[in-house]
PDB file of all heavy atoms in Angstrom:
ATOM      1  N   LEU A   1     152.404 183.881-120.648  1.00  0.00           N
ATOM      2  CA  LEU A   1     150.953 184.187-120.584  1.00  0.00           C
ATOM      3  C   LEU A   1     150.726 185.707-120.361  1.00  0.00           C
ATOM      4  O   LEU A   1     151.474 186.337-119.622  1.00  0.00           O
ATOM      5  CB  LEU A   1     150.305 183.421-119.421  1.00  0.00           C
ATOM      6  CG  LEU A   1     150.423 181.881-119.415  1.00  0.00           C
ATOM      7  CD1 LEU A   1     149.811 181.364-118.127  1.00  0.00           C
ATOM      8  CD2 LEU A   1     149.754 181.270-120.635  1.00  0.00           C
ATOM      9  N   ASN A   2     149.636 186.169-120.937  1.00  0.00           N
ATOM     10  CA  ASN A   2     149.211 187.594-120.651  1.00  0.00           C
ATOM     11  C   ASN A   2     148.332 187.620-119.414  1.00  0.00           C
ATOM     12  O   ASN A   2     148.153 186.597-118.723  1.00  0.00           O
ATOM     13  CB  ASN A   2     148.507 188.155-121.896  1.00  0.00           C
ATOM     14  CG  ASN A   2     147.216 187.407-122.227  1.00  0.00           C
ATOM     15  OD1 ASN A   2     146.634 186.700-121.382  1.00  0.00           O
ATOM     16  ND2 ASN A   2     146.749 187.518-123.473  1.00  0.00           N
ATOM     17  N   GLU A   3     147.719 188.789-119.133  1.00  0.00           N
ATOM     18  CA  GLU A   3     146.977 188.928-117.891  1.00  0.00           C
ATOM     19  C   GLU A   3     145.651 188.152-117.897  1.00  0.00           C
ATOM     20  O   GLU A   3     145.035 187.943-116.840  1.00  0.00           O
ATOM     21  CB  GLU A   3     146.680 190.413-117.574  1.00  0.00           C
ATOM     22  CG  GLU A   3     145.714 191.109-118.527  1.00  0.00           C
ATOM     23  CD  GLU A   3     146.353 191.622-119.771  1.00  0.00           C
ATOM     24  OE1 GLU A   3     147.531 191.328-120.050  1.00  0.00           O
ATOM     25  OE2 GLU A   3     145.678 192.405-120.520  1.00  0.00           O
ATOM     26  N   GLN A   4     145.222 187.706-119.078  1.00  0.00           N
ATOM     27  CA  GLN A   4     144.041 186.833-119.132  1.00  0.00           C
ATOM     28  C   GLN A   4     144.359 185.364-118.851  1.00  0.00           C
ATOM     29  O   GLN A   4     143.467 184.485-118.836  1.00  0.00           O
ATOM     30  CB  GLN A   4     143.383 186.920-120.537  1.00  0.00           C
ATOM     31  CG  GLN A   4     142.412 188.057-120.712  1.00  0.00           C
ATOM     32  CD  GLN A   4     143.089 189.228-121.338  1.00  0.00           C
ATOM     33  OE1 GLN A   4     143.924 189.108-122.223  1.00  0.00           O
ATOM     34  NE2 GLN A   4     142.772 190.447-120.906  1.00  0.00           N
ATOM     35  N   GLY A   5     145.644 185.062-118.710  1.00  0.00           N
ATOM     36  CA  GLY A   5     146.080 183.664-118.571  1.00  0.00           C
ATOM     37  C   GLY A   5     146.104 182.930-119.900  1.00  0.00           C
ATOM     38  O   GLY A   5     146.004 181.733-119.935  1.00  0.00           O
ATOM     39  N   GLU A   6     146.208 183.703-120.963  1.00  0.00           N
ATOM     40  CA  GLU A   6     146.268 183.114-122.335  1.00  0.00           C
ATOM     41  C   GLU A   6     147.667 183.364-122.912  1.00  0.00           C
ATOM     42  O   GLU A   6     148.363 184.291-122.543  1.00  0.00           O
ATOM     43  CB  GLU A   6     145.194 183.779-123.222  1.00  0.00           C
ATOM     44  CG  GLU A   6     143.784 183.527-122.718  1.00  0.00           C
ATOM     45  CD  GLU A   6     142.756 184.416-123.354  1.00  0.00           C
ATOM     46  OE1 GLU A   6     143.039 185.002-124.416  1.00  0.00           O
ATOM     47  OE2 GLU A   6     141.666 184.572-122.791  1.00  0.00           O
ATOM     48  N   PHE A   7     148.051 182.526-123.861  1.00  0.00           N
ATOM     49  CA  PHE A   7     149.335 182.678-124.486  1.00  0.00           C
ATOM     50  C   PHE A   7     149.454 184.017-125.184  1.00  0.00           C
ATOM     51  O   PHE A   7     148.496 184.474-125.821  1.00  0.00           O
ATOM     52  CB  PHE A   7     149.651 181.535-125.456  1.00  0.00           C
ATOM     53  CG  PHE A   7     149.922 180.225-124.798  1.00  0.00           C
ATOM     54  CD1 PHE A   7     149.057 179.145-125.004  1.00  0.00           C
ATOM     55  CD2 PHE A   7     150.974 180.100-123.889  1.00  0.00           C
ATOM     56  CE1 PHE A   7     149.304 177.926-124.354  1.00  0.00           C
ATOM     57  CE2 PHE A   7     151.217 178.892-123.264  1.00  0.00           C
ATOM     58  CZ  PHE A   7     150.378 177.812-123.492  1.00  0.00           C
ATOM     59  N   ILE A   8     150.635 184.675-125.058  1.00  0.00           N
ATOM     60  CA  ILE A   8     150.789 185.961-125.738  1.00  0.00           C
ATOM     61  C   ILE A   8     150.710 185.787-127.234  1.00  0.00           C
ATOM     62  O   ILE A   8     150.935 184.698-127.757  1.00  0.00           O
ATOM     63  CB  ILE A   8     152.136 186.594-125.311  1.00  0.00           C
ATOM     64  CG1 ILE A   8     153.345 185.758-125.776  1.00  0.00           C
ATOM     65  CG2 ILE A   8     152.158 186.874-123.828  1.00  0.00           C
ATOM     66  CD1 ILE A   8     154.674 186.447-125.566  1.00  0.00           C
ATOM     67  N   THR A   9     150.359 186.832-127.939  1.00  0.00           N
ATOM     68  CA  THR A   9     150.170 186.768-129.371  1.00  0.00           C
ATOM     69  C   THR A   9     151.525 186.678-130.113  1.00  0.00           C
ATOM     70  O   THR A   9     152.589 186.930-129.501  1.00  0.00           O
ATOM     71  CB  THR A   9     149.443 188.056-129.918  1.00  0.00           C
ATOM     72  OG1 THR A   9     150.355 189.166-129.661  1.00  0.00           O
ATOM     73  CG2 THR A   9     148.149 188.257-129.180  1.00  0.00           C
ATOM     74  N   GLY A  10     151.467 186.322-131.389  1.00  0.00           N
ATOM     75  CA  GLY A  10     152.685 186.239-132.202  1.00  0.00           C
ATOM     76  C   GLY A  10     153.412 187.574-132.246  1.00  0.00           C
ATOM     77  O   GLY A  10     154.656 187.621-132.132  1.00  0.00           O
ATOM     78  N   GLU A  11     152.622 188.640-132.335  1.00  0.00           N
ATOM     79  CA  GLU A  11     153.211 190.006-132.393  1.00  0.00           C
ATOM     80  C   GLU A  11     153.955 190.324-131.083  1.00  0.00           C
ATOM     81  O   GLU A  11     155.087 190.808-131.051  1.00  0.00           O
ATOM     82  CB  GLU A  11     152.078 190.992-132.599  1.00  0.00           C
ATOM     83  CG  GLU A  11     152.547 192.394-132.993  1.00  0.00           C
ATOM     84  CD  GLU A  11     151.361 193.347-133.086  1.00  0.00           C
ATOM     85  OE1 GLU A  11     150.223 192.892-133.390  1.00  0.00           O
ATOM     86  OE2 GLU A  11     151.569 194.557-132.839  1.00  0.00           O
ATOM     87  N   ASN A  12     153.307 189.978-129.942  1.00  0.00           N
ATOM     88  CA  ASN A  12     153.947 190.183-128.634  1.00  0.00           C
ATOM     89  C   ASN A  12     155.206 189.358-128.529  1.00  0.00           C
ATOM     90  O   ASN A  12     156.224 189.818-128.044  1.00  0.00           O
ATOM     91  CB  ASN A  12     153.013 189.746-127.510  1.00  0.00           C
ATOM     92  CG  ASN A  12     151.731 190.569-127.416  1.00  0.00           C
ATOM     93  OD1 ASN A  12     150.730 190.147-126.834  1.00  0.00           O
ATOM     94  ND2 ASN A  12     151.739 191.769-127.995  1.00  0.00           N
ATOM     95  N   GLY A  13     155.137 188.085-128.974  1.00  0.00           N
ATOM     96  CA  GLY A  13     156.265 187.183-128.906  1.00  0.00           C
ATOM     97  C   GLY A  13     157.486 187.730-129.662  1.00  0.00           C
ATOM     98  O   GLY A  13     158.632 187.640-129.207  1.00  0.00           O
ATOM     99  N   THR A  14     157.193 188.298-130.834  1.00  0.00           N
ATOM    100  CA  THR A  14     158.299 188.897-131.645  1.00  0.00           C
ATOM    101  C   THR A  14     158.968 190.011-130.902  1.00  0.00           C
ATOM    102  O   THR A  14     160.215 190.165-130.942  1.00  0.00           O
ATOM    103  CB  THR A  14     157.698 189.403-132.986  1.00  0.00           C
ATOM    104  OG1 THR A  14     157.051 188.307-133.627  1.00  0.00           O
ATOM    105  CG2 THR A  14     158.764 189.940-133.885  1.00  0.00           C
ATOM    106  N   GLU A  15     158.174 190.842-130.194  1.00  0.00           N
ATOM    107  CA  GLU A  15     158.737 191.960-129.401  1.00  0.00           C
ATOM    108  C   GLU A  15     159.615 191.431-128.247  1.00  0.00           C
ATOM    109  O   GLU A  15     160.657 191.991-127.963  1.00  0.00           O
ATOM    110  CB  GLU A  15     157.586 192.837-128.882  1.00  0.00           C
ATOM    111  CG  GLU A  15     156.851 193.601-129.934  1.00  0.00           C
ATOM    112  CD  GLU A  15     155.532 194.219-129.485  1.00  0.00           C
ATOM    113  OE1 GLU A  15     155.243 194.111-128.277  1.00  0.00           O
ATOM    114  OE2 GLU A  15     154.826 194.824-130.303  1.00  0.00           O
ATOM    115  N   VAL A  16     159.167 190.352-127.630  1.00  0.00           N
ATOM    116  CA  VAL A  16     159.910 189.767-126.503  1.00  0.00           C
ATOM    117  C   VAL A  16     161.255 189.221-127.034  1.00  0.00           C
ATOM    118  O   VAL A  16     162.320 189.414-126.418  1.00  0.00           O
ATOM    119  CB  VAL A  16     159.103 188.627-125.802  1.00  0.00           C
ATOM    120  CG1 VAL A  16     159.979 187.907-124.764  1.00  0.00           C
ATOM    121  CG2 VAL A  16     157.881 189.195-125.101  1.00  0.00           C
ATOM    122  N   LEU A  17     161.206 188.545-128.188  1.00  0.00           N
ATOM    123  CA  LEU A  17     162.448 188.023-128.794  1.00  0.00           C
ATOM    124  C   LEU A  17     163.415 189.126-129.137  1.00  0.00           C
ATOM    125  O   LEU A  17     164.642 188.968-128.921  1.00  0.00           O
ATOM    126  CB  LEU A  17     162.115 187.203-130.071  1.00  0.00           C
ATOM    127  CG  LEU A  17     161.443 185.839-129.872  1.00  0.00           C
ATOM    128  CD1 LEU A  17     161.070 185.233-131.199  1.00  0.00           C
ATOM    129  CD2 LEU A  17     162.356 184.892-129.104  1.00  0.00           C
ATOM    130  N   ALA A  18     162.900 190.228-129.648  1.00  0.00           N
ATOM    131  CA  ALA A  18     163.784 191.400-129.971  1.00  0.00           C
ATOM    132  C   ALA A  18     164.411 191.930-128.703  1.00  0.00           C
ATOM    133  O   ALA A  18     165.640 192.300-128.735  1.00  0.00           O
ATOM    134  CB  ALA A  18     162.973 192.467-130.667  1.00  0.00           C
ATOM    135  N   LEU A  19     163.670 192.002-127.635  1.00  0.00           N
ATOM    136  CA  LEU A  19     164.243 192.502-126.384  1.00  0.00           C
ATOM    137  C   LEU A  19     165.333 191.533-125.866  1.00  0.00           C
ATOM    138  O   LEU A  19     166.365 191.987-125.354  1.00  0.00           O
ATOM    139  CB  LEU A  19     163.135 192.602-125.274  1.00  0.00           C
ATOM    140  CG  LEU A  19     162.458 193.963-125.130  1.00  0.00           C
ATOM    141  CD1 LEU A  19     161.268 193.831-124.189  1.00  0.00           C
ATOM    142  CD2 LEU A  19     163.441 194.999-124.639  1.00  0.00           C
ATOM    143  N   ALA A  20     165.102 190.229-126.000  1.00  0.00           N
ATOM    144  CA  ALA A  20     166.116 189.261-125.569  1.00  0.00           C
ATOM    145  C   ALA A  20     167.374 189.454-126.374  1.00  0.00           C
ATOM    146  O   ALA A  20     168.506 189.345-125.829  1.00  0.00           O
ATOM    147  CB  ALA A  20     165.576 187.829-125.760  1.00  0.00           C
ATOM    148  N   GLU A  21     167.218 189.752-127.650  1.00  0.00           N
ATOM    149  CA  GLU A  21     168.369 189.951-128.518  1.00  0.00           C
ATOM    150  C   GLU A  21     169.180 191.214-128.136  1.00  0.00           C
ATOM    151  O   GLU A  21     170.394 191.187-128.067  1.00  0.00           O
ATOM    152  CB  GLU A  21     167.868 190.074-129.973  1.00  0.00           C
ATOM    153  CG  GLU A  21     168.882 189.746-131.048  1.00  0.00           C
ATOM    154  CD  GLU A  21     169.435 188.309-130.961  1.00  0.00           C
ATOM    155  OE1 GLU A  21     168.629 187.366-130.717  1.00  0.00           O
ATOM    156  OE2 GLU A  21     170.638 188.168-131.153  1.00  0.00           O
ATOM    157  N   SER A  22     168.406 192.281-127.838  1.00  0.00           N
ATOM    158  CA  SER A  22     169.097 193.536-127.509  1.00  0.00           C
ATOM    159  C   SER A  22     169.622 193.603-126.085  1.00  0.00           C
ATOM    160  O   SER A  22     170.531 194.361-125.780  1.00  0.00           O
ATOM    161  CB  SER A  22     168.115 194.719-127.704  1.00  0.00           C
ATOM    162  OG  SER A  22     167.122 194.657-126.706  1.00  0.00           O
ATOM    163  N   GLN A  23     169.023 192.759-125.213  1.00  0.00           N
ATOM    164  CA  GLN A  23     169.358 192.726-123.764  1.00  0.00           C
ATOM    165  C   GLN A  23     169.255 194.125-123.125  1.00  0.00           C
ATOM    166  O   GLN A  23     170.079 194.518-122.296  1.00  0.00           O
ATOM    167  CB  GLN A  23     170.791 192.139-123.561  1.00  0.00           C
ATOM    168  CG  GLN A  23     170.875 190.703-124.011  1.00  0.00           C
ATOM    169  CD  GLN A  23     172.161 189.998-123.534  1.00  0.00           C
ATOM    170  OE1 GLN A  23     172.622 190.242-122.450  1.00  0.00           O
ATOM    171  NE2 GLN A  23     172.663 189.127-124.383  1.00  0.00           N
ATOM    172  N   ASP A  24     168.233 194.835-123.579  1.00  0.00           N
ATOM    173  CA  ASP A  24     167.994 196.184-123.038  1.00  0.00           C
ATOM    174  C   ASP A  24     167.169 196.083-121.740  1.00  0.00           C
ATOM    175  O   ASP A  24     165.980 196.434-121.704  1.00  0.00           O
ATOM    176  CB  ASP A  24     167.237 196.999-124.104  1.00  0.00           C
ATOM    177  CG  ASP A  24     167.083 198.474-123.732  1.00  0.00           C
ATOM    178  OD1 ASP A  24     167.765 198.896-122.761  1.00  0.00           O
ATOM    179  OD2 ASP A  24     166.290 199.173-124.347  1.00  0.00           O
ATOM    180  N   PHE A  25     167.823 195.592-120.691  1.00  0.00           N
ATOM    181  CA  PHE A  25     167.124 195.386-119.436  1.00  0.00           C
ATOM    182  C   PHE A  25     167.592 196.389-118.373  1.00  0.00           C
ATOM    183  O   PHE A  25     168.752 196.795-118.396  1.00  0.00           O
ATOM    184  CB  PHE A  25     167.406 193.953-118.890  1.00  0.00           C
ATOM    185  CG  PHE A  25     167.353 192.852-119.890  1.00  0.00           C
ATOM    186  CD1 PHE A  25     168.316 191.886-119.948  1.00  0.00           C
ATOM    187  CD2 PHE A  25     166.271 192.785-120.792  1.00  0.00           C
ATOM    188  CE1 PHE A  25     168.251 190.837-120.893  1.00  0.00           C
ATOM    189  CE2 PHE A  25     166.191 191.759-121.731  1.00  0.00           C
ATOM    190  CZ  PHE A  25     167.203 190.790-121.803  1.00  0.00           C
TER     191      PHE A  25
END
């Protein structure tokens, strides 16, 4: 969820998936 308590957008979700793939934490 984003700060409005709504599901993140498809575009946001793609960015999260890319981060998970890169493990750039």
